[in-house]
PDB file of all heavy atoms in Angstrom:
ATOM      1  N   LEU A   1      -3.748   6.335  -2.464  1.00  0.00           N
ATOM      2  CA  LEU A   1      -4.034   5.442  -3.569  1.00  0.00           C
ATOM      3  C   LEU A   1      -5.161   4.469  -3.202  1.00  0.00           C
ATOM      4  O   LEU A   1      -5.044   3.838  -2.123  1.00  0.00           O
ATOM      5  CB  LEU A   1      -2.780   4.689  -4.055  1.00  0.00           C
ATOM      6  CG  LEU A   1      -1.634   5.535  -4.651  1.00  0.00           C
ATOM      7  CD1 LEU A   1      -0.472   4.692  -4.794  1.00  0.00           C
ATOM      8  CD2 LEU A   1      -2.078   6.397  -5.795  1.00  0.00           C
ATOM      9  N   PRO A   2      -6.173   4.469  -4.031  1.00  0.00           N
ATOM     10  CA  PRO A   2      -7.296   3.537  -3.689  1.00  0.00           C
ATOM     11  C   PRO A   2      -6.997   2.108  -3.795  1.00  0.00           C
ATOM     12  O   PRO A   2      -6.235   1.539  -4.873  1.00  0.00           O
ATOM     13  CB  PRO A   2      -8.325   3.961  -4.828  1.00  0.00           C
ATOM     14  CG  PRO A   2      -7.633   4.499  -6.012  1.00  0.00           C
ATOM     15  CD  PRO A   2      -6.391   5.128  -5.392  1.00  0.00           C
ATOM     16  N   HIS A   3      -7.488   1.248  -2.833  1.00  0.00           N
ATOM     17  CA  HIS A   3      -7.262  -0.195  -2.936  1.00  0.00           C
ATOM     18  C   HIS A   3      -8.655  -0.904  -2.905  1.00  0.00           C
ATOM     19  O   HIS A   3      -9.690  -0.341  -2.884  1.00  0.00           O
ATOM     20  CB  HIS A   3      -6.442  -0.657  -1.693  1.00  0.00           C
ATOM     21  CG  HIS A   3      -7.161  -0.587  -0.342  1.00  0.00           C
ATOM     22  ND1 HIS A   3      -8.282  -1.472   0.006  1.00  0.00           N
ATOM     23  CD2 HIS A   3      -6.846   0.284   0.632  1.00  0.00           C
ATOM     24  CE1 HIS A   3      -8.525  -1.125   1.226  1.00  0.00           C
ATOM     25  NE2 HIS A   3      -7.919   0.038   1.652  1.00  0.00           N
ATOM     26  N   CYS A   4      -8.644  -2.165  -3.217  1.00  0.00           N
ATOM     27  CA  CYS A   4      -9.922  -3.031  -3.276  1.00  0.00           C
ATOM     28  C   CYS A   4      -9.966  -3.987  -2.156  1.00  0.00           C
ATOM     29  O   CYS A   4     -10.841  -5.114  -2.351  1.00  0.00           O
ATOM     30  CB  CYS A   4     -10.164  -3.503  -4.653  1.00  0.00           C
ATOM     31  SG  CYS A   4      -8.884  -4.708  -5.178  1.00  0.00           S
ATOM     32  N   GLU A   5      -9.136  -4.081  -1.159  1.00  0.00           N
ATOM     33  CA  GLU A   5      -9.127  -5.011  -0.061  1.00  0.00           C
ATOM     34  C   GLU A   5     -10.431  -4.659   0.789  1.00  0.00           C
ATOM     35  O   GLU A   5     -10.769  -3.736   0.934  1.00  0.00           O
ATOM     36  CB  GLU A   5      -7.900  -4.870   0.746  1.00  0.00           C
ATOM     37  CG  GLU A   5      -6.707  -5.141  -0.041  1.00  0.00           C
ATOM     38  CD  GLU A   5      -6.552  -6.562  -0.627  1.00  0.00           C
ATOM     39  OE1 GLU A   5      -7.191  -7.407  -0.019  1.00  0.00           O
ATOM     40  OE2 GLU A   5      -5.809  -6.682  -1.612  1.00  0.00           O
ATOM     41  N   ILE A   6     -10.899  -5.874   1.439  1.00  0.00           N
ATOM     42  CA  ILE A   6     -11.966  -5.785   2.283  1.00  0.00           C
ATOM     43  C   ILE A   6     -11.404  -5.714   3.845  1.00  0.00           C
ATOM     44  O   ILE A   6     -10.783  -6.756   4.225  1.00  0.00           O
ATOM     45  CB  ILE A   6     -12.963  -6.866   2.075  1.00  0.00           C
ATOM     46  CG1 ILE A   6     -13.637  -6.789   0.830  1.00  0.00           C
ATOM     47  CG2 ILE A   6     -14.054  -6.929   3.149  1.00  0.00           C
ATOM     48  CD1 ILE A   6     -14.443  -8.065   0.332  1.00  0.00           C
ATOM     49  N   MET A   7     -11.645  -4.553   4.375  1.00  0.00           N
ATOM     50  CA  MET A   7     -11.086  -4.406   5.777  1.00  0.00           C
ATOM     51  C   MET A   7     -11.878  -4.869   6.864  1.00  0.00           C
ATOM     52  O   MET A   7     -12.173  -4.209   7.870  1.00  0.00           O
ATOM     53  CB  MET A   7     -10.681  -2.940   5.871  1.00  0.00           C
ATOM     54  CG  MET A   7      -9.843  -2.292   4.690  1.00  0.00           C
ATOM     55  SD  MET A   7      -8.051  -2.885   4.892  1.00  0.00           S
ATOM     56  CE  MET A   7      -7.590  -1.754   6.294  1.00  0.00           C
ATOM     57  N   ASP A   8     -12.373  -6.173   6.890  1.00  0.00           N
ATOM     58  CA  ASP A   8     -12.944  -6.689   7.962  1.00  0.00           C
ATOM     59  C   ASP A   8     -12.060  -6.972   9.206  1.00  0.00           C
ATOM     60  O   ASP A   8     -12.535  -7.005  10.202  1.00  0.00           O
ATOM     61  CB  ASP A   8     -13.680  -7.935   7.541  1.00  0.00           C
ATOM     62  CG  ASP A   8     -14.747  -7.782   6.600  1.00  0.00           C
ATOM     63  OD1 ASP A   8     -15.272  -6.647   6.500  1.00  0.00           O
ATOM     64  OD2 ASP A   8     -15.180  -8.830   5.726  1.00  0.00           O
ATOM     65  N   ALA A   9     -10.838  -7.109   8.832  1.00  0.00           N
ATOM     66  CA  ALA A   9      -9.784  -7.306   9.947  1.00  0.00           C
ATOM     67  C   ALA A   9      -8.529  -6.708   9.436  1.00  0.00           C
ATOM     68  O   ALA A   9      -8.450  -6.271   8.262  1.00  0.00           O
ATOM     69  CB  ALA A   9      -9.678  -8.984  10.181  1.00  0.00           C
ATOM     70  N   PRO A  10      -7.599  -6.485  10.306  1.00  0.00           N
ATOM     71  CA  PRO A  10      -6.192  -5.854   9.955  1.00  0.00           C
ATOM     72  C   PRO A  10      -5.617  -6.661   8.910  1.00  0.00           C
ATOM     73  O   PRO A  10      -5.590  -7.943   8.976  1.00  0.00           O
ATOM     74  CB  PRO A  10      -5.471  -5.818  11.159  1.00  0.00           C
ATOM     75  CG  PRO A  10      -6.473  -5.804  12.350  1.00  0.00           C
ATOM     76  CD  PRO A  10      -7.665  -6.604  11.797  1.00  0.00           C
ATOM     77  N   LEU A  11      -5.133  -6.085   7.743  1.00  0.00           N
ATOM     78  CA  LEU A  11      -4.464  -6.792   6.775  1.00  0.00           C
ATOM     79  C   LEU A  11      -3.069  -7.370   7.309  1.00  0.00           C
ATOM     80  O   LEU A  11      -2.375  -6.740   8.120  1.00  0.00           O
ATOM     81  CB  LEU A  11      -4.166  -5.851   5.611  1.00  0.00           C
ATOM     82  CG  LEU A  11      -5.428  -5.326   4.963  1.00  0.00           C
ATOM     83  CD1 LEU A  11      -5.038  -4.374   3.886  1.00  0.00           C
ATOM     84  CD2 LEU A  11      -6.291  -6.421   4.302  1.00  0.00           C
ATOM     85  N   PRO A  12      -2.684  -8.402   6.776  1.00  0.00           N
ATOM     86  CA  PRO A  12      -1.317  -9.005   7.099  1.00  0.00           C
ATOM     87  C   PRO A  12      -0.221  -7.907   6.909  1.00  0.00           C
ATOM     88  O   PRO A  12      -0.333  -7.242   5.827  1.00  0.00           O
ATOM     89  CB  PRO A  12      -1.213 -10.170   6.283  1.00  0.00           C
ATOM     90  CG  PRO A  12      -2.529 -10.664   5.926  1.00  0.00           C
ATOM     91  CD  PRO A  12      -3.284  -9.352   5.777  1.00  0.00           C
ATOM     92  N   ASP A  13       0.801  -7.942   7.720  1.00  0.00           N
ATOM     93  CA  ASP A  13       1.869  -6.981   7.465  1.00  0.00           C
ATOM     94  C   ASP A  13       2.544  -7.222   6.073  1.00  0.00           C
ATOM     95  O   ASP A  13       2.920  -8.315   5.782  1.00  0.00           O
ATOM     96  CB  ASP A  13       2.884  -7.085   8.567  1.00  0.00           C
ATOM     97  CG  ASP A  13       2.370  -6.573  10.024  1.00  0.00           C
ATOM     98  OD1 ASP A  13       1.486  -5.808   9.911  1.00  0.00           O
ATOM     99  OD2 ASP A  13       2.915  -6.939  10.969  1.00  0.00           O
ATOM    100  N   GLY A  14       2.752  -6.048   5.415  1.00  0.00           N
ATOM    101  CA  GLY A  14       3.535  -6.202   4.145  1.00  0.00           C
ATOM    102  C   GLY A  14       2.636  -6.652   3.051  1.00  0.00           C
ATOM    103  O   GLY A  14       3.220  -6.710   1.890  1.00  0.00           O
ATOM    104  N   LEU A  15       1.393  -6.869   3.299  1.00  0.00           N
ATOM    105  CA  LEU A  15       0.536  -7.245   2.081  1.00  0.00           C
ATOM    106  C   LEU A  15       0.347  -6.085   0.966  1.00  0.00           C
ATOM    107  O   LEU A  15       0.562  -6.440  -0.136  1.00  0.00           O
ATOM    108  CB  LEU A  15      -0.847  -7.643   2.593  1.00  0.00           C
ATOM    109  CG  LEU A  15      -1.944  -7.995   1.421  1.00  0.00           C
ATOM    110  CD1 LEU A  15      -1.479  -9.276   0.748  1.00  0.00           C
ATOM    111  CD2 LEU A  15      -3.361  -8.146   1.961  1.00  0.00           C
ATOM    112  N   LEU A  16      -0.005  -4.963   1.525  1.00  0.00           N
ATOM    113  CA  LEU A  16      -0.257  -3.822   0.638  1.00  0.00           C
ATOM    114  C   LEU A  16       0.988  -2.867   0.793  1.00  0.00           C
ATOM    115  O   LEU A  16       1.369  -2.429   1.892  1.00  0.00           O
ATOM    116  CB  LEU A  16      -1.499  -3.079   0.850  1.00  0.00           C
ATOM    117  CG  LEU A  16      -2.703  -3.768   0.211  1.00  0.00           C
ATOM    118  CD1 LEU A  16      -4.017  -2.873   0.713  1.00  0.00           C
ATOM    119  CD2 LEU A  16      -2.711  -3.890  -1.257  1.00  0.00           C
ATOM    120  N   SER A  17       1.491  -2.310  -0.463  1.00  0.00           N
ATOM    121  CA  SER A  17       2.457  -1.244  -0.352  1.00  0.00           C
ATOM    122  C   SER A  17       2.388  -0.392  -1.607  1.00  0.00           C
ATOM    123  O   SER A  17       1.660  -0.851  -2.516  1.00  0.00           O
ATOM    124  CB  SER A  17       3.795  -1.823  -0.082  1.00  0.00           C
ATOM    125  OG  SER A  17       4.141  -2.768  -1.119  1.00  0.00           O
ATOM    126  N   VAL A  18       2.996   0.739  -1.606  1.00  0.00           N
ATOM    127  CA  VAL A  18       3.037   1.719  -2.742  1.00  0.00           C
ATOM    128  C   VAL A  18       4.497   1.569  -3.323  1.00  0.00           C
ATOM    129  O   VAL A  18       5.403   1.712  -2.548  1.00  0.00           O
ATOM    130  CB  VAL A  18       2.580   2.997  -2.349  1.00  0.00           C
ATOM    131  CG1 VAL A  18       2.817   3.975  -3.574  1.00  0.00           C
ATOM    132  CG2 VAL A  18       1.140   2.995  -1.830  1.00  0.00           C
ATOM    133  N   VAL A  19       4.653   1.522  -4.613  1.00  0.00           N
ATOM    134  CA  VAL A  19       5.831   1.541  -5.278  1.00  0.00           C
ATOM    135  C   VAL A  19       6.003   2.838  -6.100  1.00  0.00           C
ATOM    136  O   VAL A  19       5.043   3.401  -6.627  1.00  0.00           O
ATOM    137  CB  VAL A  19       6.168   0.285  -6.217  1.00  0.00           C
ATOM    138  CG1 VAL A  19       6.233  -1.022  -5.349  1.00  0.00           C
ATOM    139  CG2 VAL A  19       5.102   0.146  -7.344  1.00  0.00           C
ATOM    140  N   HIS A  20       7.369   3.221  -6.031  1.00  0.00           N
ATOM    141  CA  HIS A  20       7.635   4.588  -6.780  1.00  0.00           C
ATOM    142  C   HIS A  20       8.526   4.116  -7.926  1.00  0.00           C
ATOM    143  O   HIS A  20       9.623   3.559  -7.793  1.00  0.00           O
ATOM    144  CB  HIS A  20       8.254   5.543  -5.745  1.00  0.00           C
ATOM    145  CG  HIS A  20       8.647   6.761  -6.463  1.00  0.00           C
ATOM    146  ND1 HIS A  20       9.732   7.420  -5.985  1.00  0.00           N
ATOM    147  CD2 HIS A  20       8.146   7.458  -7.435  1.00  0.00           C
ATOM    148  CE1 HIS A  20       9.841   8.695  -6.692  1.00  0.00           C
ATOM    149  NE2 HIS A  20       8.896   8.593  -7.686  1.00  0.00           N
ATOM    150  N   ILE A  21       8.212   4.353  -9.110  1.00  0.00           N
ATOM    151  CA  ILE A  21       8.980   3.865 -10.339  1.00  0.00           C
ATOM    152  C   ILE A  21       9.510   5.067 -11.014  1.00  0.00           C
ATOM    153  O   ILE A  21       8.830   6.089 -11.499  1.00  0.00           O
ATOM    154  CB  ILE A  21       7.964   3.055 -11.320  1.00  0.00           C
ATOM    155  CG1 ILE A  21       7.401   1.850 -10.523  1.00  0.00           C
ATOM    156  CG2 ILE A  21       8.910   2.589 -12.481  1.00  0.00           C
ATOM    157  CD1 ILE A  21       6.554   1.035 -11.388  1.00  0.00           C
ATOM    158  N   THR A  22      10.915   5.086 -11.220  1.00  0.00           N
ATOM    159  CA  THR A  22      11.626   6.130 -11.937  1.00  0.00           C
ATOM    160  C   THR A  22      12.504   5.526 -12.927  1.00  0.00           C
ATOM    161  O   THR A  22      12.421   4.240 -13.038  1.00  0.00           O
ATOM    162  CB  THR A  22      12.407   7.020 -10.911  1.00  0.00           C
ATOM    163  OG1 THR A  22      13.422   6.163 -10.400  1.00  0.00           O
ATOM    164  CG2 THR A  22      11.582   7.532  -9.799  1.00  0.00           C
ATOM    165  N   ASP A  23      13.351   6.286 -13.677  1.00  0.00           N
ATOM    166  CA  ASP A  23      14.227   5.828 -14.558  1.00  0.00           C
ATOM    167  C   ASP A  23      15.258   4.956 -13.922  1.00  0.00           C
ATOM    168  O   ASP A  23      15.944   4.147 -14.448  1.00  0.00           O
ATOM    169  CB  ASP A  23      14.892   6.878 -15.403  1.00  0.00           C
ATOM    170  CG  ASP A  23      13.935   7.565 -16.156  1.00  0.00           C
ATOM    171  OD1 ASP A  23      12.848   6.986 -16.572  1.00  0.00           O
ATOM    172  OD2 ASP A  23      14.157   8.815 -16.714  1.00  0.00           O
ATOM    173  N   ASP A  24      15.518   5.116 -12.564  1.00  0.00           N
ATOM    174  CA  ASP A  24      16.507   4.502 -11.784  1.00  0.00           C
ATOM    175  C   ASP A  24      15.951   3.106 -11.223  1.00  0.00           C
ATOM    176  O   ASP A  24      16.812   2.345 -10.770  1.00  0.00           O
ATOM    177  CB  ASP A  24      17.077   5.256 -10.627  1.00  0.00           C
ATOM    178  CG  ASP A  24      17.700   6.553 -11.087  1.00  0.00           C
ATOM    179  OD1 ASP A  24      18.291   6.451 -12.166  1.00  0.00           O
ATOM    180  OD2 ASP A  24      17.537   7.566 -10.363  1.00  0.00           O
ATOM    181  N   GLY A  25      14.686   2.930 -11.396  1.00  0.00           N
ATOM    182  CA  GLY A  25      14.205   1.563 -10.998  1.00  0.00           C
ATOM    183  C   GLY A  25      12.797   1.814 -10.128  1.00  0.00           C
ATOM    184  O   GLY A  25      12.329   2.893 -10.102  1.00  0.00           O
ATOM    185  N   MET A  26      12.650   0.703  -9.396  1.00  0.00           N
ATOM    186  CA  MET A  26      11.381   0.689  -8.497  1.00  0.00           C
ATOM    187  C   MET A  26      11.856   0.606  -6.935  1.00  0.00           C
ATOM    188  O   MET A  26      12.663  -0.218  -6.566  1.00  0.00           O
ATOM    189  CB  MET A  26      10.624  -0.450  -8.773  1.00  0.00           C
ATOM    190  CG  MET A  26       9.263  -0.559  -8.147  1.00  0.00           C
ATOM    191  SD  MET A  26       8.234  -1.961  -8.702  1.00  0.00           S
ATOM    192  CE  MET A  26       9.121  -3.325  -7.769  1.00  0.00           C
ATOM    193  N   SER A  27      11.217   1.552  -6.219  1.00  0.00           N
ATOM    194  CA  SER A  27      11.403   1.496  -4.746  1.00  0.00           C
ATOM    195  C   SER A  27      10.070   1.231  -4.075  1.00  0.00           C
ATOM    196  O   SER A  27       8.962   1.807  -4.585  1.00  0.00           O
ATOM    197  CB  SER A  27      12.188   2.687  -4.328  1.00  0.00           C
ATOM    198  OG  SER A  27      11.399   3.849  -4.648  1.00  0.00           O
ATOM    199  N   VAL A  28       9.938   0.752  -2.875  1.00  0.00           N
ATOM    200  CA  VAL A  28       8.878   0.552  -2.130  1.00  0.00           C
ATOM    201  C   VAL A  28       8.777   1.588  -0.948  1.00  0.00           C
ATOM    202  O   VAL A  28       9.736   1.901  -0.222  1.00  0.00           O
ATOM    203  CB  VAL A  28       8.868  -0.826  -1.366  1.00  0.00           C
ATOM    204  CG1 VAL A  28       7.475  -1.002  -0.535  1.00  0.00           C
ATOM    205  CG2 VAL A  28       8.856  -1.923  -2.435  1.00  0.00           C
ATOM    206  N   LEU A  29       7.510   2.252  -0.949  1.00  0.00           N
ATOM    207  CA  LEU A  29       7.392   3.475  -0.137  1.00  0.00           C
ATOM    208  C   LEU A  29       6.793   2.870   1.258  1.00  0.00           C
ATOM    209  O   LEU A  29       5.869   2.070   1.227  1.00  0.00           O
ATOM    210  CB  LEU A  29       6.530   4.593  -0.591  1.00  0.00           C
ATOM    211  CG  LEU A  29       7.127   5.162  -1.842  1.00  0.00           C
ATOM    212  CD1 LEU A  29       6.157   6.196  -2.386  1.00  0.00           C
ATOM    213  CD2 LEU A  29       8.381   5.769  -1.750  1.00  0.00           C
ATOM    214  N   GLU A  30       7.182   3.500   2.458  1.00  0.00           N
ATOM    215  CA  GLU A  30       6.478   3.155   3.676  1.00  0.00           C
ATOM    216  C   GLU A  30       5.129   3.759   3.820  1.00  0.00           C
ATOM    217  O   GLU A  30       5.038   4.890   3.601  1.00  0.00           O
ATOM    218  CB  GLU A  30       7.447   3.472   4.969  1.00  0.00           C
ATOM    219  CG  GLU A  30       6.784   3.041   6.196  1.00  0.00           C
ATOM    220  CD  GLU A  30       7.842   3.267   7.434  1.00  0.00           C
ATOM    221  OE1 GLU A  30       8.892   3.803   6.993  1.00  0.00           O
ATOM    222  OE2 GLU A  30       7.369   3.276   8.469  1.00  0.00           O
ATOM    223  N   SER A  31       4.104   2.982   4.093  1.00  0.00           N
ATOM    224  CA  SER A  31       2.797   3.597   4.321  1.00  0.00           C
ATOM    225  C   SER A  31       2.605   4.237   5.603  1.00  0.00           C
ATOM    226  O   SER A  31       3.046   3.868   6.590  1.00  0.00           O
ATOM    227  CB  SER A  31       1.725   2.447   4.139  1.00  0.00           C
ATOM    228  OG  SER A  31       1.860   1.639   3.009  1.00  0.00           O
ATOM    229  N   LEU A  32       2.091   5.521   5.484  1.00  0.00           N
ATOM    230  CA  LEU A  32       1.664   6.331   6.612  1.00  0.00           C
ATOM    231  C   LEU A  32       0.416   5.675   7.315  1.00  0.00           C
ATOM    232  O   LEU A  32       0.303   5.617   8.478  1.00  0.00           O
ATOM    233  CB  LEU A  32       1.447   7.790   6.360  1.00  0.00           C
ATOM    234  CG  LEU A  32       2.604   8.477   5.759  1.00  0.00           C
ATOM    235  CD1 LEU A  32       2.174   9.927   5.278  1.00  0.00           C
ATOM    236  CD2 LEU A  32       3.654   8.649   6.800  1.00  0.00           C
ATOM    237  N   GLU A  33      -0.527   5.213   6.456  1.00  0.00           N
ATOM    238  CA  GLU A  33      -1.846   4.772   6.978  1.00  0.00           C
ATOM    239  C   GLU A  33      -2.572   3.945   5.882  1.00  0.00           C
ATOM    240  O   GLU A  33      -2.272   4.115   4.698  1.00  0.00           O
ATOM    241  CB  GLU A  33      -2.672   5.999   7.322  1.00  0.00           C
ATOM    242  CG  GLU A  33      -4.016   5.534   7.906  1.00  0.00           C
ATOM    243  CD  GLU A  33      -5.006   6.816   8.150  1.00  0.00           C
ATOM    244  OE1 GLU A  33      -4.566   7.971   7.664  1.00  0.00           O
ATOM    245  OE2 GLU A  33      -6.011   6.536   8.662  1.00  0.00           O
ATOM    246  N   ILE A  34      -3.221   2.951   6.223  1.00  0.00           N
ATOM    247  CA  ILE A  34      -4.081   2.121   5.446  1.00  0.00           C
ATOM    248  C   ILE A  34      -5.618   2.212   5.866  1.00  0.00           C
ATOM    249  O   ILE A  34      -5.821   1.712   6.984  1.00  0.00           O
ATOM    250  CB  ILE A  34      -3.669   0.712   5.251  1.00  0.00           C
ATOM    251  CG1 ILE A  34      -2.313   0.452   4.691  1.00  0.00           C
ATOM    252  CG2 ILE A  34      -4.615  -0.081   4.310  1.00  0.00           C
ATOM    253  CD1 ILE A  34      -1.730  -0.876   4.691  1.00  0.00           C
ATOM    254  N   THR A  35      -6.300   2.948   5.110  1.00  0.00           N
ATOM    255  CA  THR A  35      -7.718   3.174   5.579  1.00  0.00           C
ATOM    256  C   THR A  35      -8.554   2.115   4.937  1.00  0.00           C
ATOM    257  O   THR A  35      -8.050   1.261   4.166  1.00  0.00           O
ATOM    258  CB  THR A  35      -8.347   4.596   5.098  1.00  0.00           C
ATOM    259  OG1 THR A  35      -8.479   4.510   3.736  1.00  0.00           O
ATOM    260  CG2 THR A  35      -7.377   5.698   5.484  1.00  0.00           C
ATOM    261  N   ASP A  36      -9.920   2.268   5.131  1.00  0.00           N
ATOM    262  CA  ASP A  36     -10.815   1.200   4.504  1.00  0.00           C
ATOM    263  C   ASP A  36     -10.726   1.317   3.004  1.00  0.00           C
ATOM    264  O   ASP A  36     -11.171   0.341   2.247  1.00  0.00           O
ATOM    265  CB  ASP A  36     -12.176   1.441   4.835  1.00  0.00           C
ATOM    266  CG  ASP A  36     -12.493   1.049   6.343  1.00  0.00           C
ATOM    267  OD1 ASP A  36     -11.611   0.396   6.935  1.00  0.00           O
ATOM    268  OD2 ASP A  36     -13.550   1.441   6.920  1.00  0.00           O
ATOM    269  N   THR A  37     -10.315   2.438   2.413  1.00  0.00           N
ATOM    270  CA  THR A  37     -10.339   2.623   0.884  1.00  0.00           C
ATOM    271  C   THR A  37      -9.085   2.970   0.272  1.00  0.00           C
ATOM    272  O   THR A  37      -8.959   2.794  -0.880  1.00  0.00           O
ATOM    273  CB  THR A  37     -11.407   3.723   0.598  1.00  0.00           C
ATOM    274  OG1 THR A  37     -11.069   4.980   1.194  1.00  0.00           O
ATOM    275  CG2 THR A  37     -12.832   3.259   1.020  1.00  0.00           C
ATOM    276  N   HIS A  38      -8.047   3.488   1.051  1.00  0.00           N
ATOM    277  CA  HIS A  38      -6.847   4.013   0.535  1.00  0.00           C
ATOM    278  C   HIS A  38      -5.669   3.727   1.204  1.00  0.00           C
ATOM    279  O   HIS A  38      -5.640   3.380   2.358  1.00  0.00           O
ATOM    280  CB  HIS A  38      -6.935   5.583   0.357  1.00  0.00           C
ATOM    281  CG  HIS A  38      -7.939   6.039  -0.671  1.00  0.00           C
ATOM    282  ND1 HIS A  38      -9.250   6.108  -0.356  1.00  0.00           N
ATOM    283  CD2 HIS A  38      -7.767   6.665  -1.821  1.00  0.00           C
ATOM    284  CE1 HIS A  38      -9.866   6.551  -1.456  1.00  0.00           C
ATOM    285  NE2 HIS A  38      -9.071   6.917  -2.237  1.00  0.00           N
ATOM    286  N   VAL A  39      -4.565   3.706   0.556  1.00  0.00           N
ATOM    287  CA  VAL A  39      -3.142   3.656   1.144  1.00  0.00           C
ATOM    288  C   VAL A  39      -2.568   4.964   1.065  1.00  0.00           C
ATOM    289  O   VAL A  39      -2.459   5.568  -0.085  1.00  0.00           O
ATOM    290  CB  VAL A  39      -2.306   2.488   0.591  1.00  0.00           C
ATOM    291  CG1 VAL A  39      -0.927   2.507   1.209  1.00  0.00           C
ATOM    292  CG2 VAL A  39      -2.910   1.036   0.612  1.00  0.00           C
TER     293      VAL A  39
END
């Protein structure tokens, strides 16, 4: 998923994450990697 953060330095832990939304609600997925452009 594309992000718009500027990766001049490592992002603070927990700043960016991906959520999965279903009829049962919203859950937060653990990121495998955060690149300069994508999570």
